[in-house]
Amino acid sequence: MDEYDHWPECQTCPRTFRTQQSCNQHMNDTDHWAPRFECESCTRDFRSQNAANQHMTAVRHWAPRIPCETCEKKFHTQNAADQHMDALAHYKNYCKSCGLRFQNENNLRMHLNSKIHRGTNVPCPFCRVGYTSASGLTHHLETGACTRAPNLNRETILNMIRERDPHGVITNKQIGWHKEENVKYSATNHAFNGYYWECYVCHNEYTTVNALNAHINSPSHKQKVYRCPNSKVQCGKQFVTLAGPFNHLESEACAFMRFENVQRQMTHVLQGRKLIAFR
């Protein structure tokens, strides 16, 4: 056997050396060390990625890749990750008290601000029926549903708000704005197109004339007279009813104020005597 067969060989090029030290020196100088592919779990390394993959598959040394939605832990299977998150309530959008998961943060926030968690702690000042939120109470009054305040509706509330909002904090300053009469409309037979009862303004279709009448007597086609009071980021959202900006603020969509603060502002807006201001 040739003595050269026993000489150390460079891991990259065909050169051989008399000693391992000189071989190492060469590989250091020329960066000829062969790439090493490490196992993701143990200290072993391999000459090729394929060899490393075969090792990790054979002894189950693949590193876990499925993360917990809250902490830094990772798992080998989705089932293991779900078990961990179930046990520790580590789902990102998760209601711990109800054991419910939600697709996004907004859906979770809506759930936490619902009747289930908030109760009905916003009473109507007239009939004392409880509501979950300021928007719910305002809708009750604007639709004329309060039996103890039959004269209150969208129009009368708007007139009251305009008197206390000369600077346009929550109402739009509309030069061409005109008073909207509080009248009831009824669809005629001409609204039936042969299949459905059709709104002539938006062309929405309804299966019954009563449903169409409810639509045309709703605020759907009335002027957008209210606006979001968030002037810092110029939100720009506009609304037909007073319940609209309250609902918008309660959702915290423009991060102007927290849900709880909206409820306090509602009392000031509906029952106060001073000029309207949102703080």
C-alpha atoms as a PDB file:
ATOM      1  CA  MET A   1       0.000   0.000   0.000  1.00  0.00           C
ATOM      2  CA  ASP A   2       1.317   3.458  -0.913  1.00  0.00           C
ATOM      3  CA  GLU A   3       2.396   5.533   2.121  1.00  0.00           C
ATOM      4  CA  TYR A   4       0.496   8.493   0.668  1.00  0.00           C
ATOM      5  CA  ASP A   5      -2.791   6.687   1.403  1.00  0.00           C
ATOM      6  CA  HIS A   6      -2.252   7.411   5.091  1.00  0.00           C
ATOM      7  CA  TRP A   7      -1.506  11.117   4.776  1.00  0.00           C
ATOM      8  CA  PRO A   8      -4.137  13.555   6.100  1.00  0.00           C
ATOM      9  CA  GLU A   9      -6.267  14.972   3.310  1.00  0.00           C
ATOM     10  CA  CYS A  10      -7.781  18.443   2.977  1.00  0.00           C
ATOM     11  CA  GLN A  11     -11.520  18.300   3.500  1.00  0.00           C
ATOM     12  CA  THR A  12     -12.191  20.368   0.377  1.00  0.00           C
ATOM     13  CA  CYS A  13      -9.360  20.144  -2.171  1.00  0.00           C
ATOM     14  CA  PRO A  14      -7.280  17.034  -3.184  1.00  0.00           C
ATOM     15  CA  ARG A  15      -4.118  18.081  -1.364  1.00  0.00           C
ATOM     16  CA  THR A  16      -2.578  15.756   1.235  1.00  0.00           C
ATOM     17  CA  PHE A  17      -0.082  16.474   4.013  1.00  0.00           C
ATOM     18  CA  ARG A  18       2.494  14.654   6.057  1.00  0.00           C
ATOM     19  CA  THR A  19       0.943  15.628   9.359  1.00  0.00           C
ATOM     20  CA  GLN A  20      -2.532  16.498  10.607  1.00  0.00           C
ATOM     21  CA  GLN A  21      -1.144  19.757  11.960  1.00  0.00           C
ATOM     22  CA  SER A  22       0.025  20.924   8.532  1.00  0.00           C
ATOM     23  CA  CYS A  23      -3.286  19.814   7.051  1.00  0.00           C
ATOM     24  CA  ASN A  24      -5.183  21.840   9.622  1.00  0.00           C
ATOM     25  CA  GLN A  25      -2.928  24.818   9.004  1.00  0.00           C
ATOM     26  CA  HIS A  26      -3.731  24.621   5.283  1.00  0.00           C
ATOM     27  CA  MET A  27      -7.477  24.423   5.879  1.00  0.00           C
ATOM     28  CA  ASN A  28      -7.282  27.364   8.290  1.00  0.00           C
ATOM     29  CA  ASP A  29      -5.332  29.469   5.777  1.00  0.00           C
ATOM     30  CA  THR A  30      -7.580  28.658   2.815  1.00  0.00           C
ATOM     31  CA  ASP A  31     -10.880  28.208   4.639  1.00  0.00           C
ATOM     32  CA  HIS A  32     -11.024  24.658   3.304  1.00  0.00           C
ATOM     33  CA  TRP A  33     -12.756  23.094   6.253  1.00  0.00           C
ATOM     34  CA  ALA A  34     -15.774  21.130   5.049  1.00  0.00           C
ATOM     35  CA  PRO A  35     -19.120  22.614   6.049  1.00  0.00           C
ATOM     36  CA  ARG A  36     -20.618  20.910   9.087  1.00  0.00           C
ATOM     37  CA  PHE A  37     -24.325  20.267   9.439  1.00  0.00           C
ATOM     38  CA  GLU A  38     -25.378  20.059  13.061  1.00  0.00           C
ATOM     39  CA  CYS A  39     -28.117  17.998  14.610  1.00  0.00           C
ATOM     40  CA  GLU A  40     -30.862  20.298  15.960  1.00  0.00           C
ATOM     41  CA  SER A  41     -30.939  18.514  19.329  1.00  0.00           C
ATOM     42  CA  CYS A  42     -27.647  16.732  20.129  1.00  0.00           C
ATOM     43  CA  THR A  43     -23.988  17.672  19.634  1.00  0.00           C
ATOM     44  CA  ARG A  44     -23.356  15.521  16.547  1.00  0.00           C
ATOM     45  CA  ASP A  45     -22.541  17.098  13.199  1.00  0.00           C
ATOM     46  CA  PHE A  46     -22.397  15.740   9.662  1.00  0.00           C
ATOM     47  CA  ARG A  47     -20.705  16.327   6.327  1.00  0.00           C
ATOM     48  CA  SER A  48     -23.996  16.913   4.489  1.00  0.00           C
ATOM     49  CA  GLN A  49     -27.462  18.198   5.284  1.00  0.00           C
ATOM     50  CA  ASN A  50     -28.917  14.949   3.996  1.00  0.00           C
ATOM     51  CA  ALA A  51     -26.852  12.958   6.507  1.00  0.00           C
ATOM     52  CA  ALA A  52     -27.960  15.285   9.299  1.00  0.00           C
ATOM     53  CA  ASN A  53     -31.589  14.938   8.214  1.00  0.00           C
ATOM     54  CA  GLN A  54     -31.352  11.136   8.196  1.00  0.00           C
ATOM     55  CA  HIS A  55     -29.913  11.174  11.719  1.00  0.00           C
ATOM     56  CA  MET A  56     -32.590  13.550  13.078  1.00  0.00           C
ATOM     57  CA  THR A  57     -35.364  11.507  11.469  1.00  0.00           C
ATOM     58  CA  ALA A  58     -33.981   8.210  12.778  1.00  0.00           C
ATOM     59  CA  VAL A  59     -33.602   9.334  16.407  1.00  0.00           C
ATOM     60  CA  ARG A  60     -36.344  12.029  16.395  1.00  0.00           C
ATOM     61  CA  HIS A  61     -33.917  14.863  16.975  1.00  0.00           C
ATOM     62  CA  TRP A  62     -35.747  17.485  14.929  1.00  0.00           C
ATOM     63  CA  ALA A  63     -36.174  20.673  16.946  1.00  0.00           C
ATOM     64  CA  PRO A  64     -39.792  21.615  17.802  1.00  0.00           C
ATOM     65  CA  ARG A  65     -41.170  24.226  15.416  1.00  0.00           C
ATOM     66  CA  ILE A  66     -44.787  24.875  16.427  1.00  0.00           C
ATOM     67  CA  PRO A  67     -44.819  27.854  18.809  1.00  0.00           C
ATOM     68  CA  CYS A  68     -47.124  28.667  21.691  1.00  0.00           C
ATOM     69  CA  GLU A  69     -49.139  31.793  20.841  1.00  0.00           C
ATOM     70  CA  THR A  70     -48.145  33.482  24.098  1.00  0.00           C
ATOM     71  CA  CYS A  71     -44.897  32.140  25.588  1.00  0.00           C
ATOM     72  CA  GLU A  72     -41.590  31.103  23.988  1.00  0.00           C
ATOM     73  CA  LYS A  73     -42.190  27.344  24.108  1.00  0.00           C
ATOM     74  CA  LYS A  74     -42.272  25.297  20.894  1.00  0.00           C
ATOM     75  CA  PHE A  75     -43.684  21.835  20.200  1.00  0.00           C
ATOM     76  CA  HIS A  76     -43.253  19.022  17.720  1.00  0.00           C
ATOM     77  CA  THR A  77     -46.961  18.753  16.904  1.00  0.00           C
ATOM     78  CA  GLN A  78     -49.935  21.118  16.771  1.00  0.00           C
ATOM     79  CA  ASN A  79     -51.765  18.799  19.159  1.00  0.00           C
ATOM     80  CA  ALA A  80     -49.005  19.170  21.756  1.00  0.00           C
ATOM     81  CA  ALA A  81     -49.049  22.943  21.321  1.00  0.00           C
ATOM     82  CA  ASP A  82     -52.847  23.022  21.709  1.00  0.00           C
ATOM     83  CA  GLN A  83     -52.691  20.900  24.871  1.00  0.00           C
ATOM     84  CA  HIS A  84     -50.153  23.304  26.362  1.00  0.00           C
ATOM     85  CA  MET A  85     -52.198  26.388  25.419  1.00  0.00           C
ATOM     86  CA  ASP A  86     -55.423  24.790  26.697  1.00  0.00           C
ATOM     87  CA  ALA A  87     -53.841  23.917  30.040  1.00  0.00           C
ATOM     88  CA  LEU A  88     -52.274  27.340  30.622  1.00  0.00           C
ATOM     89  CA  ALA A  89     -54.788  29.525  28.732  1.00  0.00           C
ATOM     90  CA  HIS A  90     -51.949  30.599  26.469  1.00  0.00           C
ATOM     91  CA  TYR A  91     -54.006  31.223  23.348  1.00  0.00           C
ATOM     92  CA  LYS A  92     -53.353  34.749  22.112  1.00  0.00           C
ATOM     93  CA  ASN A  93     -57.020  35.733  21.720  1.00  0.00           C
ATOM     94  CA  TYR A  94     -58.557  33.705  24.530  1.00  0.00           C
ATOM     95  CA  CYS A  95     -61.212  34.363  27.144  1.00  0.00           C
ATOM     96  CA  LYS A  96     -60.029  32.431  30.166  1.00  0.00           C
ATOM     97  CA  SER A  97     -63.294  32.644  32.117  1.00  0.00           C
ATOM     98  CA  CYS A  98     -65.394  31.340  29.192  1.00  0.00           C
ATOM     99  CA  GLY A  99     -62.786  28.997  27.701  1.00  0.00           C
ATOM    100  CA  LEU A 100     -63.373  30.483  24.241  1.00  0.00           C
ATOM    101  CA  ARG A 101     -60.861  31.247  21.474  1.00  0.00           C
ATOM    102  CA  PHE A 102     -61.304  34.096  18.987  1.00  0.00           C
ATOM    103  CA  GLN A 103     -59.885  34.685  15.521  1.00  0.00           C
ATOM    104  CA  ASN A 104     -58.473  38.105  16.323  1.00  0.00           C
ATOM    105  CA  GLU A 105     -58.050  40.682  19.073  1.00  0.00           C
ATOM    106  CA  ASN A 106     -61.051  42.718  17.956  1.00  0.00           C
ATOM    107  CA  ASN A 107     -63.410  39.727  18.265  1.00  0.00           C
ATOM    108  CA  LEU A 108     -62.061  39.027  21.731  1.00  0.00           C
ATOM    109  CA  ARG A 109     -62.560  42.669  22.735  1.00  0.00           C
ATOM    110  CA  MET A 110     -66.155  42.591  21.485  1.00  0.00           C
ATOM    111  CA  HIS A 111     -66.776  39.448  23.526  1.00  0.00           C
ATOM    112  CA  LEU A 112     -65.273  40.978  26.683  1.00  0.00           C
ATOM    113  CA  ASN A 113     -67.431  44.076  26.198  1.00  0.00           C
ATOM    114  CA  SER A 114     -70.596  42.050  25.593  1.00  0.00           C
ATOM    115  CA  LYS A 115     -73.500  41.409  27.949  1.00  0.00           C
ATOM    116  CA  ILE A 116     -71.829  38.180  29.109  1.00  0.00           C
ATOM    117  CA  HIS A 117     -69.029  40.099  30.818  1.00  0.00           C
ATOM    118  CA  ARG A 118     -70.418  43.620  31.172  1.00  0.00           C
ATOM    119  CA  GLY A 119     -73.952  42.797  32.250  1.00  0.00           C
ATOM    120  CA  THR A 120     -76.633  45.477  31.833  1.00  0.00           C
ATOM    121  CA  ASN A 121     -75.237  48.247  33.987  1.00  0.00           C
ATOM    122  CA  VAL A 122     -76.192  51.176  31.760  1.00  0.00           C
ATOM    123  CA  PRO A 123     -79.802  52.000  32.700  1.00  0.00           C
ATOM    124  CA  CYS A 124     -82.138  54.123  30.643  1.00  0.00           C
ATOM    125  CA  PRO A 125     -82.680  57.335  32.673  1.00  0.00           C
ATOM    126  CA  PHE A 126     -86.388  57.201  31.884  1.00  0.00           C
ATOM    127  CA  CYS A 127     -87.659  53.606  31.909  1.00  0.00           C
ATOM    128  CA  ARG A 128     -84.686  52.166  33.884  1.00  0.00           C
ATOM    129  CA  VAL A 129     -84.237  49.227  31.489  1.00  0.00           C
ATOM    130  CA  GLY A 130     -80.600  48.150  31.627  1.00  0.00           C
ATOM    131  CA  TYR A 131     -78.249  48.071  28.628  1.00  0.00           C
ATOM    132  CA  THR A 132     -74.742  46.775  28.156  1.00  0.00           C
ATOM    133  CA  SER A 133     -73.304  49.879  26.561  1.00  0.00           C
ATOM    134  CA  ALA A 134     -73.827  53.524  25.709  1.00  0.00           C
ATOM    135  CA  SER A 135     -74.527  52.634  22.081  1.00  0.00           C
ATOM    136  CA  GLY A 136     -77.271  50.210  23.148  1.00  0.00           C
ATOM    137  CA  LEU A 137     -78.988  52.810  25.320  1.00  0.00           C
ATOM    138  CA  THR A 138     -78.666  55.496  22.644  1.00  0.00           C
ATOM    139  CA  HIS A 139     -80.201  53.208  20.011  1.00  0.00           C
ATOM    140  CA  HIS A 140     -83.086  52.532  22.429  1.00  0.00           C
ATOM    141  CA  LEU A 141     -83.795  56.271  22.698  1.00  0.00           C
ATOM    142  CA  GLU A 142     -83.176  57.215  19.058  1.00  0.00           C
ATOM    143  CA  THR A 143     -85.599  54.597  17.764  1.00  0.00           C
ATOM    144  CA  GLY A 144     -88.355  55.947  20.039  1.00  0.00           C
ATOM    145  CA  ALA A 145     -88.549  52.634  21.882  1.00  0.00           C
ATOM    146  CA  CYS A 146     -88.612  54.130  25.370  1.00  0.00           C
ATOM    147  CA  THR A 147     -92.207  54.108  26.627  1.00  0.00           C
ATOM    148  CA  ARG A 148     -91.380  56.682  29.321  1.00  0.00           C
ATOM    149  CA  ALA A 149     -89.905  59.136  26.788  1.00  0.00           C
ATOM    150  CA  PRO A 150     -92.103  58.798  23.667  1.00  0.00           C
ATOM    151  CA  ASN A 151     -91.051  62.205  22.344  1.00  0.00           C
ATOM    152  CA  LEU A 152     -87.398  61.197  22.097  1.00  0.00           C
ATOM    153  CA  ASN A 153     -86.157  59.958  18.742  1.00  0.00           C
ATOM    154  CA  ARG A 154     -83.250  60.526  16.381  1.00  0.00           C
ATOM    155  CA  GLU A 155     -84.518  63.972  15.334  1.00  0.00           C
ATOM    156  CA  THR A 156     -85.221  65.378  18.816  1.00  0.00           C
ATOM    157  CA  ILE A 157     -81.931  64.026  20.185  1.00  0.00           C
ATOM    158  CA  LEU A 158     -80.053  65.543  17.228  1.00  0.00           C
ATOM    159  CA  ASN A 159     -81.624  68.953  17.901  1.00  0.00           C
ATOM    160  CA  MET A 160     -80.587  68.703  21.558  1.00  0.00           C
ATOM    161  CA  ILE A 161     -77.032  67.678  20.690  1.00  0.00           C
ATOM    162  CA  ARG A 162     -76.623  70.458  18.093  1.00  0.00           C
ATOM    163  CA  GLU A 163     -77.549  73.099  20.676  1.00  0.00           C
ATOM    164  CA  ARG A 164     -74.757  71.896  22.964  1.00  0.00           C
ATOM    165  CA  ASP A 165     -72.181  71.270  20.251  1.00  0.00           C
ATOM    166  CA  PRO A 166     -71.582  74.641  18.538  1.00  0.00           C
ATOM    167  CA  HIS A 167     -67.927  73.781  17.891  1.00  0.00           C
ATOM    168  CA  GLY A 168     -68.738  70.568  16.050  1.00  0.00           C
ATOM    169  CA  VAL A 169     -67.016  68.182  18.451  1.00  0.00           C
ATOM    170  CA  ILE A 170     -69.341  65.322  17.567  1.00  0.00           C
ATOM    171  CA  THR A 171     -71.718  66.801  14.941  1.00  0.00           C
ATOM    172  CA  ASN A 172     -70.936  67.882  11.393  1.00  0.00           C
ATOM    173  CA  LYS A 173     -71.232  71.532  10.522  1.00  0.00           C
ATOM    174  CA  GLN A 174     -73.386  71.315   7.413  1.00  0.00           C
ATOM    175  CA  ILE A 175     -74.315  74.551   5.698  1.00  0.00           C
ATOM    176  CA  GLY A 176     -76.984  72.803   3.691  1.00  0.00           C
ATOM    177  CA  TRP A 177     -78.342  70.807   6.601  1.00  0.00           C
ATOM    178  CA  HIS A 178     -82.076  70.921   6.943  1.00  0.00           C
ATOM    179  CA  LYS A 179     -84.346  69.669   9.629  1.00  0.00           C
ATOM    180  CA  GLU A 180     -85.529  66.145   8.924  1.00  0.00           C
ATOM    181  CA  GLU A 181     -89.197  65.624   9.562  1.00  0.00           C
ATOM    182  CA  ASN A 182     -90.146  62.749  11.807  1.00  0.00           C
ATOM    183  CA  VAL A 183     -92.653  61.104   9.490  1.00  0.00           C
ATOM    184  CA  LYS A 184     -93.548  57.513   8.675  1.00  0.00           C
ATOM    185  CA  TYR A 185     -93.227  56.208   5.134  1.00  0.00           C
ATOM    186  CA  SER A 186     -95.053  53.285   3.570  1.00  0.00           C
ATOM    187  CA  ALA A 187     -94.083  51.481   0.385  1.00  0.00           C
ATOM    188  CA  THR A 188     -96.635  51.313  -2.425  1.00  0.00           C
ATOM    189  CA  ASN A 189     -97.293  48.416  -4.769  1.00  0.00           C
ATOM    190  CA  HIS A 190     -94.891  50.029  -7.255  1.00  0.00           C
ATOM    191  CA  ALA A 191     -92.030  48.903  -4.978  1.00  0.00           C
ATOM    192  CA  PHE A 192     -92.714  45.262  -5.829  1.00  0.00           C
ATOM    193  CA  ASN A 193     -90.525  44.238  -8.775  1.00  0.00           C
ATOM    194  CA  GLY A 194     -92.254  40.910  -9.385  1.00  0.00           C
ATOM    195  CA  TYR A 195     -89.998  38.993  -7.008  1.00  0.00           C
ATOM    196  CA  TYR A 196     -89.112  41.254  -4.071  1.00  0.00           C
ATOM    197  CA  TRP A 197     -89.983  44.545  -2.430  1.00  0.00           C
ATOM    198  CA  GLU A 198     -87.248  46.918  -3.596  1.00  0.00           C
ATOM    199  CA  CYS A 199     -85.917  50.148  -2.079  1.00  0.00           C
ATOM    200  CA  TYR A 200     -85.795  52.732  -4.884  1.00  0.00           C
ATOM    201  CA  VAL A 201     -82.788  54.502  -3.307  1.00  0.00           C
ATOM    202  CA  CYS A 202     -80.312  51.670  -2.602  1.00  0.00           C
ATOM    203  CA  HIS A 203     -82.133  48.876  -4.502  1.00  0.00           C
ATOM    204  CA  ASN A 204     -81.911  46.474  -1.567  1.00  0.00           C
ATOM    205  CA  GLU A 205     -84.591  43.814  -1.868  1.00  0.00           C
ATOM    206  CA  TYR A 206     -86.881  42.434   0.851  1.00  0.00           C
ATOM    207  CA  THR A 207     -89.238  39.472   0.980  1.00  0.00           C
ATOM    208  CA  THR A 208     -92.094  41.393   2.668  1.00  0.00           C
ATOM    209  CA  VAL A 209     -93.488  44.906   2.443  1.00  0.00           C
ATOM    210  CA  ASN A 210     -93.146  45.238   6.222  1.00  0.00           C
ATOM    211  CA  ALA A 211     -89.408  44.589   5.950  1.00  0.00           C
ATOM    212  CA  LEU A 212     -89.120  47.266   3.249  1.00  0.00           C
ATOM    213  CA  ASN A 213     -91.138  49.714   5.345  1.00  0.00           C
ATOM    214  CA  ALA A 214     -88.830  49.098   8.295  1.00  0.00           C
ATOM    215  CA  HIS A 215     -85.860  49.824   6.039  1.00  0.00           C
ATOM    216  CA  ILE A 216     -87.179  53.079   4.548  1.00  0.00           C
ATOM    217  CA  ASN A 217     -88.190  54.333   7.992  1.00  0.00           C
ATOM    218  CA  SER A 218     -84.767  53.516   9.440  1.00  0.00           C
ATOM    219  CA  PRO A 219     -81.861  56.002   9.374  1.00  0.00           C
ATOM    220  CA  SER A 220     -80.282  54.106   6.450  1.00  0.00           C
ATOM    221  CA  HIS A 221     -80.699  56.945   3.928  1.00  0.00           C
ATOM    222  CA  LYS A 222     -80.562  59.910   6.259  1.00  0.00           C
ATOM    223  CA  GLN A 223     -77.715  62.424   6.468  1.00  0.00           C
ATOM    224  CA  LYS A 224     -74.505  61.522   8.275  1.00  0.00           C
ATOM    225  CA  VAL A 225     -74.747  64.224  10.916  1.00  0.00           C
ATOM    226  CA  TYR A 226     -72.379  62.809  13.546  1.00  0.00           C
ATOM    227  CA  ARG A 227     -68.646  62.245  13.411  1.00  0.00           C
ATOM    228  CA  CYS A 228     -65.885  60.643  15.464  1.00  0.00           C
ATOM    229  CA  PRO A 229     -64.578  63.214  17.986  1.00  0.00           C
ATOM    230  CA  ASN A 230     -60.994  61.960  17.591  1.00  0.00           C
ATOM    231  CA  SER A 231     -59.358  65.000  15.989  1.00  0.00           C
ATOM    232  CA  LYS A 232     -55.834  63.931  16.972  1.00  0.00           C
ATOM    233  CA  VAL A 233     -55.548  61.321  14.229  1.00  0.00           C
ATOM    234  CA  GLN A 234     -58.317  62.781  12.031  1.00  0.00           C
ATOM    235  CA  CYS A 235     -60.332  59.570  12.098  1.00  0.00           C
ATOM    236  CA  GLY A 236     -62.931  60.985   9.727  1.00  0.00           C
ATOM    237  CA  LYS A 237     -65.626  58.377  10.405  1.00  0.00           C
ATOM    238  CA  GLN A 238     -69.173  59.757  10.022  1.00  0.00           C
ATOM    239  CA  PHE A 239     -72.457  58.371  11.277  1.00  0.00           C
ATOM    240  CA  VAL A 240     -76.192  58.725  10.770  1.00  0.00           C
ATOM    241  CA  THR A 241     -77.149  58.208  14.415  1.00  0.00           C
ATOM    242  CA  LEU A 242     -75.649  59.132  17.780  1.00  0.00           C
ATOM    243  CA  ALA A 243     -75.384  55.426  18.560  1.00  0.00           C
ATOM    244  CA  GLY A 244     -72.906  55.227  15.657  1.00  0.00           C
ATOM    245  CA  PRO A 245     -70.014  57.219  17.173  1.00  0.00           C
ATOM    246  CA  PHE A 246     -70.626  55.595  20.559  1.00  0.00           C
ATOM    247  CA  ASN A 247     -70.377  52.123  19.004  1.00  0.00           C
ATOM    248  CA  HIS A 248     -67.278  53.194  17.063  1.00  0.00           C
ATOM    249  CA  LEU A 249     -65.573  54.476  20.214  1.00  0.00           C
ATOM    250  CA  GLU A 250     -66.582  51.403  22.213  1.00  0.00           C
ATOM    251  CA  SER A 251     -64.831  49.189  19.662  1.00  0.00           C
ATOM    252  CA  GLU A 252     -61.634  51.193  20.319  1.00  0.00           C
ATOM    253  CA  ALA A 253     -61.080  51.110  16.555  1.00  0.00           C
ATOM    254  CA  CYS A 254     -59.284  54.454  16.513  1.00  0.00           C
ATOM    255  CA  ALA A 255     -57.830  54.094  20.041  1.00  0.00           C
ATOM    256  CA  PHE A 256     -59.326  57.412  21.166  1.00  0.00           C
ATOM    257  CA  MET A 257     -60.650  56.196  24.507  1.00  0.00           C
ATOM    258  CA  ARG A 258     -61.290  53.016  26.436  1.00  0.00           C
ATOM    259  CA  PHE A 259     -64.703  51.300  26.555  1.00  0.00           C
ATOM    260  CA  GLU A 260     -65.265  52.317  30.173  1.00  0.00           C
ATOM    261  CA  ASN A 261     -64.616  55.990  29.437  1.00  0.00           C
ATOM    262  CA  VAL A 262     -67.164  55.952  26.599  1.00  0.00           C
ATOM    263  CA  GLN A 263     -69.860  54.980  29.098  1.00  0.00           C
ATOM    264  CA  ARG A 264     -68.982  57.947  31.310  1.00  0.00           C
ATOM    265  CA  GLN A 265     -69.015  60.316  28.329  1.00  0.00           C
ATOM    266  CA  MET A 266     -72.465  59.058  27.323  1.00  0.00           C
ATOM    267  CA  THR A 267     -74.000  60.408  30.542  1.00  0.00           C
ATOM    268  CA  HIS A 268     -72.402  63.804  29.897  1.00  0.00           C
ATOM    269  CA  VAL A 269     -73.636  63.915  26.294  1.00  0.00           C
ATOM    270  CA  LEU A 270     -77.214  62.791  26.932  1.00  0.00           C
ATOM    271  CA  GLN A 271     -77.930  64.332  30.318  1.00  0.00           C
ATOM    272  CA  GLY A 272     -75.446  67.159  30.776  1.00  0.00           C
ATOM    273  CA  ARG A 273     -76.135  70.840  30.252  1.00  0.00           C
ATOM    274  CA  LYS A 274     -72.628  72.074  29.396  1.00  0.00           C
ATOM    275  CA  LEU A 275     -71.063  72.174  25.946  1.00  0.00           C
ATOM    276  CA  ILE A 276     -70.066  68.748  24.672  1.00  0.00           C
ATOM    277  CA  ALA A 277     -66.405  67.789  25.030  1.00  0.00           C
ATOM    278  CA  PHE A 278     -64.701  64.392  24.860  1.00  0.00           C
ATOM    279  CA  ARG A 279     -61.743  63.867  27.204  1.00  0.00           C
END
